[in-house]
Amino acid sequence: MASLNWGIIGVGDVTEKKSGPAFNKVTGSKLVAVMRRDAEKAADYAQRHGVGKWFSNAADLFNDTEVNAIYIATPPSSHLEYALTALKRGLPVYVEKPVTLNAAQAEELANAVQKHNGKLVVAHYRRQLPMFLKVKELLQQQAIGEVRTVQLRLWQSRKPALVTTGAPNWRVQPELSGGGYFHDLAPHQLDLMLYFFGNPAYYQGFGFNQTQTNKADDHVCGSILFENNVVVNGSWCFSVAETENVDSCEMIGSEGKISFPIFGNTVTLITAEDEQVIDFVPPENIQHPMIAAVVSYLNGEGPNPCTIDEALTLMKIMDAFSSKPSK
């Protein structure tokens, strides 16, 4: 397709700077329409971002003949419905993470992609950021020898600094998000583990509501054994003191360590011979590199940067980590 004319369903916070403007910065891509159920907010977004059309009903956006690609940026509870509609209409889809509420929905979506011979990309955009491409390169070069274990920690206070303040807090409503802050933030971390290490052989975990502050679990633990014998252990807690906030990934190898924050901009490489600290400047629009890769894929010029099958594997891990501990 010569030109991708995007329609966004759900112009909330994530589309303001992280993703929305990037659609106009990629050659052969243009944002032509937006939809939000709140008509006033849809119109305001369109006016501020120079978008020609806005709608308050998704059906009207789908019926707009100028729109030939769909970006779904609503809460996860409606991802499946909108993605299925787009696929049935022959429209390619870029959908936010987590791709669905759970693995069962992700499998239904994967089957629909196959049935309709459709194109769908999941917005695990950290795969395309220079920082994580560098980590992947270091691993491929065996800069720390053979990876033995990876320790993931994401500990945040009850109002996580990593979540936009002032935004509607659907993230802690399981019926909308699939769970709590774990479902919002952990997909970034766990998808990178799949990107770095390949297929998992085994995984298990548990989640529970430690503080009863809301309906969502706020403490999750889990482990993955990959087919290449790398072991990943993860800990997520969203009720610690603000002084104890942690965002840490440590990859320990036979000859050194790579460490970095998933939501930061610095990679540290330590070996017996040297210590390197590599700083990165994030793109103005954090999803810009991913959206460029999406456009390339949809135009038949590159591979799918994150397939529904990869996202399905992730959702199976998320479900396992969210299971209730047996007594």
C-alpha atoms as a PDB file:
ATOM      1  CA  MET A   1       0.000   0.000   0.000  1.00  0.00           C
ATOM      2  CA  ALA A   2       1.507   3.267  -1.211  1.00  0.00           C
ATOM      3  CA  SER A   3       0.292   5.428   1.666  1.00  0.00           C
ATOM      4  CA  LEU A   4      -0.931   4.448   5.098  1.00  0.00           C
ATOM      5  CA  ASN A   5      -3.737   6.716   6.278  1.00  0.00           C
ATOM      6  CA  TRP A   6      -4.136   5.973   9.978  1.00  0.00           C
ATOM      7  CA  GLY A   7      -7.207   6.221  12.129  1.00  0.00           C
ATOM      8  CA  ILE A   8      -6.668   6.091  15.898  1.00  0.00           C
ATOM      9  CA  ILE A   9      -9.297   4.543  18.138  1.00  0.00           C
ATOM     10  CA  GLY A  10      -8.841   5.951  21.629  1.00  0.00           C
ATOM     11  CA  VAL A  11      -6.865   9.201  21.761  1.00  0.00           C
ATOM     12  CA  GLY A  12      -5.909   9.176  25.425  1.00  0.00           C
ATOM     13  CA  ASP A  13      -2.636  10.022  27.109  1.00  0.00           C
ATOM     14  CA  VAL A  14      -0.482   7.452  25.300  1.00  0.00           C
ATOM     15  CA  THR A  15      -1.249   9.096  21.954  1.00  0.00           C
ATOM     16  CA  GLU A  16      -0.444  12.669  22.992  1.00  0.00           C
ATOM     17  CA  LYS A  17       3.328  12.393  22.657  1.00  0.00           C
ATOM     18  CA  LYS A  18       4.425   8.758  22.848  1.00  0.00           C
ATOM     19  CA  SER A  19       2.774   7.610  19.621  1.00  0.00           C
ATOM     20  CA  GLY A  20       0.287   9.937  17.904  1.00  0.00           C
ATOM     21  CA  PRO A  21       2.645  12.553  16.384  1.00  0.00           C
ATOM     22  CA  ALA A  22       4.991   9.841  15.076  1.00  0.00           C
ATOM     23  CA  PHE A  23       2.485   8.663  12.467  1.00  0.00           C
ATOM     24  CA  ASN A  24       3.118  11.904  10.559  1.00  0.00           C
ATOM     25  CA  LYS A  25       6.900  11.629  10.873  1.00  0.00           C
ATOM     26  CA  VAL A  26       7.299   8.369   8.942  1.00  0.00           C
ATOM     27  CA  THR A  27       7.486   8.438   5.151  1.00  0.00           C
ATOM     28  CA  GLY A  28       4.350   6.981   3.585  1.00  0.00           C
ATOM     29  CA  SER A  29       2.330   7.421   6.773  1.00  0.00           C
ATOM     30  CA  LYS A  30      -0.264  10.000   7.815  1.00  0.00           C
ATOM     31  CA  LEU A  31      -2.700  10.400  10.671  1.00  0.00           C
ATOM     32  CA  VAL A  32      -6.033  11.337   9.067  1.00  0.00           C
ATOM     33  CA  ALA A  33      -8.701  10.578  11.699  1.00  0.00           C
ATOM     34  CA  VAL A  34      -9.151  10.033  15.428  1.00  0.00           C
ATOM     35  CA  MET A  35     -11.952   8.623  17.536  1.00  0.00           C
ATOM     36  CA  ARG A  36     -12.847   9.006  21.198  1.00  0.00           C
ATOM     37  CA  ARG A  37     -16.239   8.411  22.780  1.00  0.00           C
ATOM     38  CA  ASP A  38     -16.080  11.837  24.395  1.00  0.00           C
ATOM     39  CA  ALA A  39     -16.807  14.034  21.353  1.00  0.00           C
ATOM     40  CA  GLU A  40     -15.437  17.184  22.942  1.00  0.00           C
ATOM     41  CA  LYS A  41     -12.108  15.517  23.739  1.00  0.00           C
ATOM     42  CA  ALA A  42     -11.941  13.927  20.287  1.00  0.00           C
ATOM     43  CA  ALA A  43     -12.456  17.309  18.641  1.00  0.00           C
ATOM     44  CA  ASP A  44      -9.901  18.930  20.937  1.00  0.00           C
ATOM     45  CA  TYR A  45      -7.274  16.292  20.116  1.00  0.00           C
ATOM     46  CA  ALA A  46      -7.883  16.666  16.382  1.00  0.00           C
ATOM     47  CA  GLN A  47      -7.604  20.449  16.584  1.00  0.00           C
ATOM     48  CA  ARG A  48      -4.404  20.413  18.666  1.00  0.00           C
ATOM     49  CA  HIS A  49      -2.684  17.782  16.499  1.00  0.00           C
ATOM     50  CA  GLY A  50      -3.834  19.033  13.108  1.00  0.00           C
ATOM     51  CA  VAL A  51      -5.931  15.951  12.319  1.00  0.00           C
ATOM     52  CA  GLY A  52      -8.604  16.540   9.679  1.00  0.00           C
ATOM     53  CA  LYS A  53     -11.336  14.263  11.017  1.00  0.00           C
ATOM     54  CA  TRP A  54     -12.605  13.196  14.404  1.00  0.00           C
ATOM     55  CA  PHE A  55     -15.378  10.842  15.490  1.00  0.00           C
ATOM     56  CA  SER A  56     -17.088   9.842  18.737  1.00  0.00           C
ATOM     57  CA  ASN A  57     -18.179   6.476  17.350  1.00  0.00           C
ATOM     58  CA  ALA A  58     -15.772   3.772  16.174  1.00  0.00           C
ATOM     59  CA  ALA A  59     -18.181   2.621  13.446  1.00  0.00           C
ATOM     60  CA  ASP A  60     -17.926   6.035  11.787  1.00  0.00           C
ATOM     61  CA  LEU A  61     -14.144   5.810  11.730  1.00  0.00           C
ATOM     62  CA  PHE A  62     -14.239   2.299  10.285  1.00  0.00           C
ATOM     63  CA  ASN A  63     -16.638   3.528   7.578  1.00  0.00           C
ATOM     64  CA  ASP A  64     -14.368   6.390   6.543  1.00  0.00           C
ATOM     65  CA  THR A  65     -12.973   5.284   3.173  1.00  0.00           C
ATOM     66  CA  GLU A  66      -9.838   7.406   3.573  1.00  0.00           C
ATOM     67  CA  VAL A  67      -8.726   5.374   6.596  1.00  0.00           C
ATOM     68  CA  ASN A  68      -6.789   2.274   5.535  1.00  0.00           C
ATOM     69  CA  ALA A  69      -4.923   1.388   8.764  1.00  0.00           C
ATOM     70  CA  ILE A  70      -6.080   1.254  12.385  1.00  0.00           C
ATOM     71  CA  TYR A  71      -4.194   2.034  15.608  1.00  0.00           C
ATOM     72  CA  ILE A  72      -6.024   0.812  18.722  1.00  0.00           C
ATOM     73  CA  ALA A  73      -5.019   2.753  21.840  1.00  0.00           C
ATOM     74  CA  THR A  74      -7.996   2.135  24.124  1.00  0.00           C
ATOM     75  CA  PRO A  75      -7.804   0.247  27.440  1.00  0.00           C
ATOM     76  CA  PRO A  76      -7.253  -3.510  26.826  1.00  0.00           C
ATOM     77  CA  SER A  77     -10.896  -4.458  27.444  1.00  0.00           C
ATOM     78  CA  SER A  78     -11.871  -3.258  23.951  1.00  0.00           C
ATOM     79  CA  HIS A  79      -8.754  -4.289  22.005  1.00  0.00           C
ATOM     80  CA  LEU A  80     -10.211  -7.591  20.836  1.00  0.00           C
ATOM     81  CA  GLU A  81     -13.495  -6.146  19.590  1.00  0.00           C
ATOM     82  CA  TYR A  82     -11.886  -3.351  17.593  1.00  0.00           C
ATOM     83  CA  ALA A  83      -9.090  -5.538  16.222  1.00  0.00           C
ATOM     84  CA  LEU A  84     -11.546  -8.196  15.040  1.00  0.00           C
ATOM     85  CA  THR A  85     -13.630  -5.533  13.300  1.00  0.00           C
ATOM     86  CA  ALA A  86     -10.577  -4.143  11.521  1.00  0.00           C
ATOM     87  CA  LEU A  87      -9.364  -7.565  10.413  1.00  0.00           C
ATOM     88  CA  LYS A  88     -12.796  -8.506   9.053  1.00  0.00           C
ATOM     89  CA  ARG A  89     -12.696  -5.318   6.981  1.00  0.00           C
ATOM     90  CA  GLY A  90      -9.247  -6.131   5.641  1.00  0.00           C
ATOM     91  CA  LEU A  91      -7.556  -3.300   7.544  1.00  0.00           C
ATOM     92  CA  PRO A  92      -4.066  -3.700   9.059  1.00  0.00           C
ATOM     93  CA  VAL A  93      -3.870  -3.153  12.817  1.00  0.00           C
ATOM     94  CA  TYR A  94      -1.372  -1.699  15.268  1.00  0.00           C
ATOM     95  CA  VAL A  95      -2.624  -2.442  18.785  1.00  0.00           C
ATOM     96  CA  GLU A  96      -1.388  -1.305  22.170  1.00  0.00           C
ATOM     97  CA  LYS A  97      -0.083  -3.611  24.848  1.00  0.00           C
ATOM     98  CA  PRO A  98      -1.179  -5.695  26.606  1.00  0.00           C
ATOM     99  CA  VAL A  99      -2.721  -6.970  23.393  1.00  0.00           C
ATOM    100  CA  THR A 100      -5.844  -8.280  25.185  1.00  0.00           C
ATOM    101  CA  LEU A 101      -7.164  -8.911  28.685  1.00  0.00           C
ATOM    102  CA  ASN A 102      -5.810 -12.466  28.783  1.00  0.00           C
ATOM    103  CA  ALA A 103      -4.320 -15.318  26.762  1.00  0.00           C
ATOM    104  CA  ALA A 104      -7.699 -16.715  25.692  1.00  0.00           C
ATOM    105  CA  GLN A 105      -8.563 -13.435  23.974  1.00  0.00           C
ATOM    106  CA  ALA A 106      -5.068 -13.229  22.460  1.00  0.00           C
ATOM    107  CA  GLU A 107      -5.519 -16.712  20.996  1.00  0.00           C
ATOM    108  CA  GLU A 108      -8.870 -15.671  19.500  1.00  0.00           C
ATOM    109  CA  LEU A 109      -7.145 -12.692  17.920  1.00  0.00           C
ATOM    110  CA  ALA A 110      -4.287 -14.848  16.595  1.00  0.00           C
ATOM    111  CA  ASN A 111      -6.838 -17.166  14.973  1.00  0.00           C
ATOM    112  CA  ALA A 112      -8.575 -14.183  13.367  1.00  0.00           C
ATOM    113  CA  VAL A 113      -5.292 -12.868  11.926  1.00  0.00           C
ATOM    114  CA  GLN A 114      -4.743 -16.260  10.326  1.00  0.00           C
ATOM    115  CA  LYS A 115      -8.355 -16.630   9.154  1.00  0.00           C
ATOM    116  CA  HIS A 116      -8.437 -13.236   7.447  1.00  0.00           C
ATOM    117  CA  ASN A 117      -4.815 -13.372   6.293  1.00  0.00           C
ATOM    118  CA  GLY A 118      -4.482 -10.079   8.121  1.00  0.00           C
ATOM    119  CA  LYS A 119      -1.596  -7.953   9.290  1.00  0.00           C
ATOM    120  CA  LEU A 120      -1.385  -7.064  12.964  1.00  0.00           C
ATOM    121  CA  VAL A 121       1.468  -5.638  15.032  1.00  0.00           C
ATOM    122  CA  VAL A 122       1.554  -5.350  18.828  1.00  0.00           C
ATOM    123  CA  ALA A 123       3.007  -2.143  20.282  1.00  0.00           C
ATOM    124  CA  HIS A 124       5.915  -3.607  22.226  1.00  0.00           C
ATOM    125  CA  TYR A 125       7.874  -0.613  21.031  1.00  0.00           C
ATOM    126  CA  ARG A 126      10.908  -1.028  23.289  1.00  0.00           C
ATOM    127  CA  ARG A 127      12.135  -3.689  20.853  1.00  0.00           C
ATOM    128  CA  GLN A 128      13.001  -0.897  18.403  1.00  0.00           C
ATOM    129  CA  LEU A 129      14.661   1.552  20.804  1.00  0.00           C
ATOM    130  CA  PRO A 130      18.446   1.938  20.350  1.00  0.00           C
ATOM    131  CA  MET A 131      19.035   1.159  24.040  1.00  0.00           C
ATOM    132  CA  PHE A 132      17.499  -2.290  23.848  1.00  0.00           C
ATOM    133  CA  LEU A 133      18.923  -3.009  20.419  1.00  0.00           C
ATOM    134  CA  LYS A 134      22.302  -2.389  22.055  1.00  0.00           C
ATOM    135  CA  VAL A 135      21.505  -4.837  24.852  1.00  0.00           C
ATOM    136  CA  LYS A 136      20.528  -7.442  22.253  1.00  0.00           C
ATOM    137  CA  GLU A 137      23.793  -6.798  20.406  1.00  0.00           C
ATOM    138  CA  LEU A 138      25.827  -7.241  23.602  1.00  0.00           C
ATOM    139  CA  LEU A 139      24.061 -10.531  24.292  1.00  0.00           C
ATOM    140  CA  GLN A 140      24.688 -11.764  20.744  1.00  0.00           C
ATOM    141  CA  GLN A 141      28.353 -10.824  21.104  1.00  0.00           C
ATOM    142  CA  GLN A 142      28.444 -12.751  24.404  1.00  0.00           C
ATOM    143  CA  ALA A 143      29.854  -9.654  26.087  1.00  0.00           C
ATOM    144  CA  ILE A 144      29.107 -11.281  29.462  1.00  0.00           C
ATOM    145  CA  GLY A 145      29.666 -14.850  28.311  1.00  0.00           C
ATOM    146  CA  GLU A 146      26.744 -17.225  28.725  1.00  0.00           C
ATOM    147  CA  VAL A 147      23.759 -15.699  30.508  1.00  0.00           C
ATOM    148  CA  ARG A 148      22.994 -17.569  33.702  1.00  0.00           C
ATOM    149  CA  THR A 149      20.225 -15.595  35.380  1.00  0.00           C
ATOM    150  CA  VAL A 150      18.212 -12.420  34.932  1.00  0.00           C
ATOM    151  CA  GLN A 151      16.717 -10.578  37.898  1.00  0.00           C
ATOM    152  CA  LEU A 152      13.820  -8.224  37.195  1.00  0.00           C
ATOM    153  CA  ARG A 153      12.498  -5.901  39.881  1.00  0.00           C
ATOM    154  CA  LEU A 154       9.820  -3.263  39.574  1.00  0.00           C
ATOM    155  CA  TRP A 155       8.813  -1.891  42.942  1.00  0.00           C
ATOM    156  CA  GLN A 156       6.708   1.264  43.119  1.00  0.00           C
ATOM    157  CA  SER A 157       4.613   3.154  45.622  1.00  0.00           C
ATOM    158  CA  ARG A 158       0.820   3.094  45.511  1.00  0.00           C
ATOM    159  CA  LYS A 159       0.952   5.972  43.015  1.00  0.00           C
ATOM    160  CA  PRO A 160       3.655   4.730  40.623  1.00  0.00           C
ATOM    161  CA  ALA A 161       5.870   7.476  39.198  1.00  0.00           C
ATOM    162  CA  LEU A 162       5.892   5.523  35.926  1.00  0.00           C
ATOM    163  CA  VAL A 163       2.152   6.049  35.380  1.00  0.00           C
ATOM    164  CA  THR A 164       0.806   9.358  34.072  1.00  0.00           C
ATOM    165  CA  THR A 165      -0.703  11.430  36.848  1.00  0.00           C
ATOM    166  CA  GLY A 166      -4.151  12.809  36.251  1.00  0.00           C
ATOM    167  CA  ALA A 167      -5.113  10.131  33.746  1.00  0.00           C
ATOM    168  CA  PRO A 168      -8.250   8.043  34.401  1.00  0.00           C
ATOM    169  CA  ASN A 169      -7.079   5.164  36.599  1.00  0.00           C
ATOM    170  CA  TRP A 170      -8.483   2.293  34.539  1.00  0.00           C
ATOM    171  CA  ARG A 171      -5.170   0.512  35.123  1.00  0.00           C
ATOM    172  CA  VAL A 172      -6.321  -0.757  38.526  1.00  0.00           C
ATOM    173  CA  GLN A 173      -9.723  -1.894  37.253  1.00  0.00           C
ATOM    174  CA  PRO A 174      -9.159  -5.537  36.209  1.00  0.00           C
ATOM    175  CA  GLU A 175     -12.252  -5.587  34.016  1.00  0.00           C
ATOM    176  CA  LEU A 176     -10.649  -2.847  31.879  1.00  0.00           C
ATOM    177  CA  SER A 177      -6.927  -3.586  32.153  1.00  0.00           C
ATOM    178  CA  GLY A 178      -6.757  -7.325  32.811  1.00  0.00           C
ATOM    179  CA  GLY A 179      -5.229  -6.781  36.242  1.00  0.00           C
ATOM    180  CA  GLY A 180      -3.418  -3.852  37.852  1.00  0.00           C
ATOM    181  CA  TYR A 181      -0.182  -1.960  37.334  1.00  0.00           C
ATOM    182  CA  PHE A 182       1.495  -5.307  36.607  1.00  0.00           C
ATOM    183  CA  HIS A 183      -0.615  -5.652  33.453  1.00  0.00           C
ATOM    184  CA  ASP A 184       0.243  -2.118  32.408  1.00  0.00           C
ATOM    185  CA  LEU A 185       4.009  -2.136  33.026  1.00  0.00           C
ATOM    186  CA  ALA A 186       5.266  -5.734  33.088  1.00  0.00           C
ATOM    187  CA  PRO A 187       4.490  -6.403  29.387  1.00  0.00           C
ATOM    188  CA  HIS A 188       7.386  -4.082  28.495  1.00  0.00           C
ATOM    189  CA  GLN A 189       9.765  -6.066  30.676  1.00  0.00           C
ATOM    190  CA  LEU A 190       8.592  -9.558  29.823  1.00  0.00           C
ATOM    191  CA  ASP A 191       8.360  -8.900  26.093  1.00  0.00           C
ATOM    192  CA  LEU A 192      12.003  -7.814  26.122  1.00  0.00           C
ATOM    193  CA  MET A 193      12.923 -11.111  27.773  1.00  0.00           C
ATOM    194  CA  LEU A 194      11.213 -12.955  24.908  1.00  0.00           C
ATOM    195  CA  TYR A 195      12.932 -10.663  22.407  1.00  0.00           C
ATOM    196  CA  PHE A 196      16.335 -11.313  23.965  1.00  0.00           C
ATOM    197  CA  PHE A 197      16.121 -15.003  24.837  1.00  0.00           C
ATOM    198  CA  GLY A 198      13.577 -16.630  22.530  1.00  0.00           C
ATOM    199  CA  ASN A 199      11.088 -19.336  23.433  1.00  0.00           C
ATOM    200  CA  PRO A 200      10.223 -20.140  27.047  1.00  0.00           C
ATOM    201  CA  ALA A 201      10.262 -23.793  28.104  1.00  0.00           C
ATOM    202  CA  TYR A 202       8.536 -23.321  31.465  1.00  0.00           C
ATOM    203  CA  TYR A 203       7.061 -20.532  33.576  1.00  0.00           C
ATOM    204  CA  GLN A 204       5.166 -20.186  36.826  1.00  0.00           C
ATOM    205  CA  GLY A 205       4.219 -17.512  39.320  1.00  0.00           C
ATOM    206  CA  PHE A 206       1.502 -16.023  41.456  1.00  0.00           C
ATOM    207  CA  GLY A 207      -0.164 -12.700  42.158  1.00  0.00           C
ATOM    208  CA  PHE A 208      -2.263 -11.436  45.028  1.00  0.00           C
ATOM    209  CA  ASN A 209      -3.806  -8.288  46.457  1.00  0.00           C
ATOM    210  CA  GLN A 210      -1.544  -7.518  49.381  1.00  0.00           C
ATOM    211  CA  THR A 211      -2.987  -4.167  50.474  1.00  0.00           C
ATOM    212  CA  GLN A 212      -6.636  -4.405  49.321  1.00  0.00           C
ATOM    213  CA  THR A 213      -6.374  -0.755  48.192  1.00  0.00           C
ATOM    214  CA  ASN A 214      -8.444  -1.572  45.115  1.00  0.00           C
ATOM    215  CA  LYS A 215      -9.623  -4.652  43.213  1.00  0.00           C
ATOM    216  CA  ALA A 216      -6.315  -5.260  41.437  1.00  0.00           C
ATOM    217  CA  ASP A 217      -3.431  -7.453  42.550  1.00  0.00           C
ATOM    218  CA  ASP A 218      -0.503  -5.304  43.677  1.00  0.00           C
ATOM    219  CA  HIS A 219       2.148  -7.993  44.251  1.00  0.00           C
ATOM    220  CA  VAL A 220       3.278 -10.446  41.560  1.00  0.00           C
ATOM    221  CA  CYS A 221       6.175 -12.891  41.370  1.00  0.00           C
ATOM    222  CA  GLY A 222       7.250 -15.203  38.562  1.00  0.00           C
ATOM    223  CA  SER A 223      10.015 -17.254  36.966  1.00  0.00           C
ATOM    224  CA  ILE A 224      10.750 -18.306  33.382  1.00  0.00           C
ATOM    225  CA  LEU A 225      13.088 -21.037  32.154  1.00  0.00           C
ATOM    226  CA  PHE A 226      13.964 -20.417  28.511  1.00  0.00           C
ATOM    227  CA  GLU A 227      14.821 -23.144  26.020  1.00  0.00           C
ATOM    228  CA  ASN A 228      18.411 -21.857  25.974  1.00  0.00           C
ATOM    229  CA  ASN A 229      18.595 -22.453  29.769  1.00  0.00           C
ATOM    230  CA  VAL A 230      18.461 -18.782  30.747  1.00  0.00           C
ATOM    231  CA  VAL A 231      16.476 -18.304  33.963  1.00  0.00           C
ATOM    232  CA  VAL A 232      14.503 -15.091  34.570  1.00  0.00           C
ATOM    233  CA  ASN A 233      13.095 -14.208  37.987  1.00  0.00           C
ATOM    234  CA  GLY A 234      10.724 -11.263  38.363  1.00  0.00           C
ATOM    235  CA  SER A 235       9.257  -9.345  41.284  1.00  0.00           C
ATOM    236  CA  TRP A 236       6.587  -6.648  40.991  1.00  0.00           C
ATOM    237  CA  CYS A 237       5.249  -4.785  44.017  1.00  0.00           C
ATOM    238  CA  PHE A 238       3.160  -1.629  43.890  1.00  0.00           C
ATOM    239  CA  SER A 239       2.848  -0.679  47.545  1.00  0.00           C
ATOM    240  CA  VAL A 240       6.393   0.055  48.748  1.00  0.00           C
ATOM    241  CA  ALA A 241       7.597   3.289  50.325  1.00  0.00           C
ATOM    242  CA  GLU A 242       8.446   5.961  47.764  1.00  0.00           C
ATOM    243  CA  THR A 243      12.056   5.796  48.960  1.00  0.00           C
ATOM    244  CA  GLU A 244      12.203   2.165  47.814  1.00  0.00           C
ATOM    245  CA  ASN A 245      11.085   2.612  44.189  1.00  0.00           C
ATOM    246  CA  VAL A 246      13.140   0.282  41.974  1.00  0.00           C
ATOM    247  CA  ASP A 247      13.272  -0.350  38.225  1.00  0.00           C
ATOM    248  CA  SER A 248      16.048  -2.836  37.624  1.00  0.00           C
ATOM    249  CA  CYS A 249      17.079  -5.551  35.168  1.00  0.00           C
ATOM    250  CA  GLU A 250      20.314  -7.402  35.953  1.00  0.00           C
ATOM    251  CA  MET A 251      21.653  -9.976  33.501  1.00  0.00           C
ATOM    252  CA  ILE A 252      24.345 -12.077  35.126  1.00  0.00           C
ATOM    253  CA  GLY A 253      26.615 -14.073  32.856  1.00  0.00           C
ATOM    254  CA  SER A 254      29.611 -16.370  33.148  1.00  0.00           C
ATOM    255  CA  GLU A 255      31.912 -13.417  32.431  1.00  0.00           C
ATOM    256  CA  GLY A 256      30.117 -10.300  33.615  1.00  0.00           C
ATOM    257  CA  LYS A 257      26.895  -8.362  34.062  1.00  0.00           C
ATOM    258  CA  ILE A 258      24.615  -6.120  32.018  1.00  0.00           C
ATOM    259  CA  SER A 259      22.249  -3.937  34.027  1.00  0.00           C
ATOM    260  CA  PHE A 260      19.711  -1.287  33.079  1.00  0.00           C
ATOM    261  CA  PRO A 261      16.307   0.144  34.045  1.00  0.00           C
ATOM    262  CA  ILE A 262      13.515  -0.889  31.679  1.00  0.00           C
ATOM    263  CA  PHE A 263      12.073   2.617  31.935  1.00  0.00           C
ATOM    264  CA  GLY A 264      15.420   4.443  31.897  1.00  0.00           C
ATOM    265  CA  ASN A 265      18.145   5.421  29.464  1.00  0.00           C
ATOM    266  CA  THR A 266      21.413   3.887  30.695  1.00  0.00           C
ATOM    267  CA  VAL A 267      23.059   0.488  30.166  1.00  0.00           C
ATOM    268  CA  THR A 268      25.964  -0.627  32.349  1.00  0.00           C
ATOM    269  CA  LEU A 269      28.312  -3.407  31.218  1.00  0.00           C
ATOM    270  CA  ILE A 270      30.676  -4.866  33.800  1.00  0.00           C
ATOM    271  CA  THR A 271      33.358  -7.472  33.071  1.00  0.00           C
ATOM    272  CA  ALA A 272      36.625  -8.423  34.748  1.00  0.00           C
ATOM    273  CA  GLU A 273      38.478  -6.114  32.365  1.00  0.00           C
ATOM    274  CA  ASP A 274      36.221  -3.070  32.198  1.00  0.00           C
ATOM    275  CA  GLU A 275      33.114  -1.173  33.209  1.00  0.00           C
ATOM    276  CA  GLN A 276      31.171   0.775  30.595  1.00  0.00           C
ATOM    277  CA  VAL A 277      28.224   3.088  31.141  1.00  0.00           C
ATOM    278  CA  ILE A 278      26.326   3.779  27.914  1.00  0.00           C
ATOM    279  CA  ASP A 279      23.789   6.605  27.902  1.00  0.00           C
ATOM    280  CA  PHE A 280      20.947   6.927  25.404  1.00  0.00           C
ATOM    281  CA  VAL A 281      18.718   9.833  24.418  1.00  0.00           C
ATOM    282  CA  PRO A 282      15.151   8.601  23.866  1.00  0.00           C
ATOM    283  CA  PRO A 283      13.259   9.724  20.758  1.00  0.00           C
ATOM    284  CA  GLU A 284      10.963  12.730  21.133  1.00  0.00           C
ATOM    285  CA  ASN A 285       8.092  10.334  20.417  1.00  0.00           C
ATOM    286  CA  ILE A 286       9.063   7.076  22.101  1.00  0.00           C
ATOM    287  CA  GLN A 287       7.149   4.895  19.613  1.00  0.00           C
ATOM    288  CA  HIS A 288       8.614   6.573  16.521  1.00  0.00           C
ATOM    289  CA  PRO A 289      11.142   3.779  15.744  1.00  0.00           C
ATOM    290  CA  MET A 290       8.475   1.115  16.220  1.00  0.00           C
ATOM    291  CA  ILE A 291       5.945   2.923  14.044  1.00  0.00           C
ATOM    292  CA  ALA A 292       8.598   3.240  11.331  1.00  0.00           C
ATOM    293  CA  ALA A 293       9.096  -0.537  11.528  1.00  0.00           C
ATOM    294  CA  VAL A 294       5.317  -1.078  11.426  1.00  0.00           C
ATOM    295  CA  VAL A 295       4.967   1.030   8.275  1.00  0.00           C
ATOM    296  CA  SER A 296       7.858  -0.866   6.691  1.00  0.00           C
ATOM    297  CA  TYR A 297       6.185  -4.194   7.497  1.00  0.00           C
ATOM    298  CA  LEU A 298       2.743  -3.139   6.275  1.00  0.00           C
ATOM    299  CA  ASN A 299       4.307  -1.978   3.002  1.00  0.00           C
ATOM    300  CA  GLY A 300       6.033  -5.347   2.536  1.00  0.00           C
ATOM    301  CA  GLU A 301       9.489  -3.893   3.107  1.00  0.00           C
ATOM    302  CA  GLY A 302      10.415  -5.545   6.404  1.00  0.00           C
ATOM    303  CA  PRO A 303       9.463  -8.174   8.983  1.00  0.00           C
ATOM    304  CA  ASN A 304       6.693  -7.868  11.548  1.00  0.00           C
ATOM    305  CA  PRO A 305       8.391  -6.163  14.532  1.00  0.00           C
ATOM    306  CA  CYS A 306       6.082  -7.911  17.033  1.00  0.00           C
ATOM    307  CA  THR A 307       3.619 -10.592  15.969  1.00  0.00           C
ATOM    308  CA  ILE A 308       0.381 -11.681  17.607  1.00  0.00           C
ATOM    309  CA  ASP A 309       1.962 -15.102  18.215  1.00  0.00           C
ATOM    310  CA  GLU A 310       4.737 -13.481  20.257  1.00  0.00           C
ATOM    311  CA  ALA A 311       2.156 -11.450  22.153  1.00  0.00           C
ATOM    312  CA  LEU A 312       0.141 -14.621  22.797  1.00  0.00           C
ATOM    313  CA  THR A 313       3.175 -16.223  24.433  1.00  0.00           C
ATOM    314  CA  LEU A 314       3.561 -13.130  26.569  1.00  0.00           C
ATOM    315  CA  MET A 315      -0.081 -13.229  27.630  1.00  0.00           C
ATOM    316  CA  LYS A 316       0.260 -16.874  28.643  1.00  0.00           C
ATOM    317  CA  ILE A 317       3.154 -15.871  30.892  1.00  0.00           C
ATOM    318  CA  MET A 318       1.154 -12.938  32.265  1.00  0.00           C
ATOM    319  CA  ASP A 319      -1.763 -15.248  33.064  1.00  0.00           C
ATOM    320  CA  ALA A 320       0.561 -17.712  34.810  1.00  0.00           C
ATOM    321  CA  PHE A 321       2.187 -14.965  36.865  1.00  0.00           C
ATOM    322  CA  SER A 322      -1.223 -13.607  37.817  1.00  0.00           C
ATOM    323  CA  SER A 323      -2.591 -16.919  39.066  1.00  0.00           C
ATOM    324  CA  LYS A 324      -3.585 -17.154  42.721  1.00  0.00           C
ATOM    325  CA  PRO A 325      -1.151 -18.878  45.088  1.00  0.00           C
ATOM    326  CA  SER A 326      -2.341 -22.270  46.248  1.00  0.00           C
ATOM    327  CA  LYS A 327      -2.701 -22.793  49.978  1.00  0.00           C
END
